[in-house]
Amino acid sequence: MSQQQITTQDSTNSNQAEMSALLLGAGFALASLILLPAVAQRIGMGSSLTIALRGALMRAANRF
């Protein structure tokens, strides 16, 4: 393999990893801001527990 092919392949792998991380982070954000409060309200979960779960999801989203 030539050096240019290796560089292009590394760049493609890096872009795919960045896109995966972005999508995962966006999914966590969507879950914590929209889905979690809706489900919590539906099942009657307390607001303090909902806020704690939202914080945990946002911290998880920030790691990726």
Protein backbone atom coordinates (compact mmCIF):
# COMPACT_ATOMS: atom_id res chain seq x y z
CA MET A 1 0.00 0.00 0.00
CA SER A 2 1.22 3.46 -0.74
CA GLN A 3 1.51 6.16 1.91
CA GLN A 4 -1.34 8.14 0.35
CA GLN A 5 -3.72 5.16 0.51
CA ILE A 6 -2.86 4.57 4.16
CA THR A 7 -3.42 8.26 4.98
CA THR A 8 -6.76 8.27 3.16
CA GLN A 9 -7.87 5.11 4.96
CA ASP A 10 -6.86 6.55 8.35
CA SER A 11 -8.76 9.75 7.55
CA THR A 12 -11.86 7.78 6.58
CA ASN A 13 -11.72 5.72 9.80
CA SER A 14 -11.29 8.92 11.83
CA ASN A 15 -14.29 10.55 10.12
CA GLN A 16 -16.44 7.48 10.78
CA ALA A 17 -15.46 7.45 14.45
CA GLU A 18 -16.27 11.16 14.78
CA MET A 19 -19.66 10.67 13.11
CA SER A 20 -20.46 7.74 15.40
CA ALA A 21 -19.57 9.78 18.46
CA LEU A 22 -21.65 12.71 17.23
CA LEU A 23 -24.70 10.53 16.61
CA LEU A 24 -24.36 8.81 19.98
CA GLY A 25 -24.05 12.14 21.77
CA ALA A 26 -27.05 13.54 19.90
CA GLY A 27 -29.06 10.45 20.83
CA PHE A 28 -28.22 10.87 24.52
CA ALA A 29 -29.13 14.56 24.35
CA LEU A 30 -32.45 13.78 22.65
CA ALA A 31 -33.21 11.13 25.25
CA SER A 32 -32.38 13.38 28.19
CA LEU A 33 -34.17 16.50 26.95
CA ILE A 34 -37.29 15.04 25.31
CA LEU A 35 -37.83 11.35 25.87
CA LEU A 36 -36.91 11.03 29.55
CA PRO A 37 -39.21 13.82 30.82
CA ALA A 38 -42.10 12.50 28.71
CA VAL A 39 -41.71 8.97 30.04
CA ALA A 40 -41.19 10.22 33.58
CA GLN A 41 -44.39 12.24 33.43
CA ARG A 42 -46.30 9.32 31.98
CA ILE A 43 -45.27 6.91 34.75
CA GLY A 44 -45.44 9.52 37.52
CA MET A 45 -41.75 9.66 38.38
CA GLY A 46 -40.71 12.44 40.76
CA SER A 47 -39.10 15.56 39.35
CA SER A 48 -35.89 15.20 41.38
CA LEU A 49 -35.34 11.69 40.06
CA THR A 50 -36.06 12.88 36.52
CA ILE A 51 -33.48 15.66 36.90
CA ALA A 52 -30.91 13.21 38.25
CA LEU A 53 -31.46 10.84 35.31
CA ARG A 54 -31.27 13.75 32.87
CA GLY A 55 -27.94 14.79 34.40
CA ALA A 56 -26.59 11.26 34.13
CA LEU A 57 -27.58 11.05 30.45
CA MET A 58 -26.02 14.43 29.67
CA ARG A 59 -22.76 13.39 31.38
CA ALA A 60 -22.78 10.19 29.32
CA ALA A 61 -23.36 12.21 26.15
CA ASN A 62 -20.46 14.49 27.02
CA ARG A 63 -18.04 11.55 27.27
CA PHE A 64 -18.48 10.64 23.63
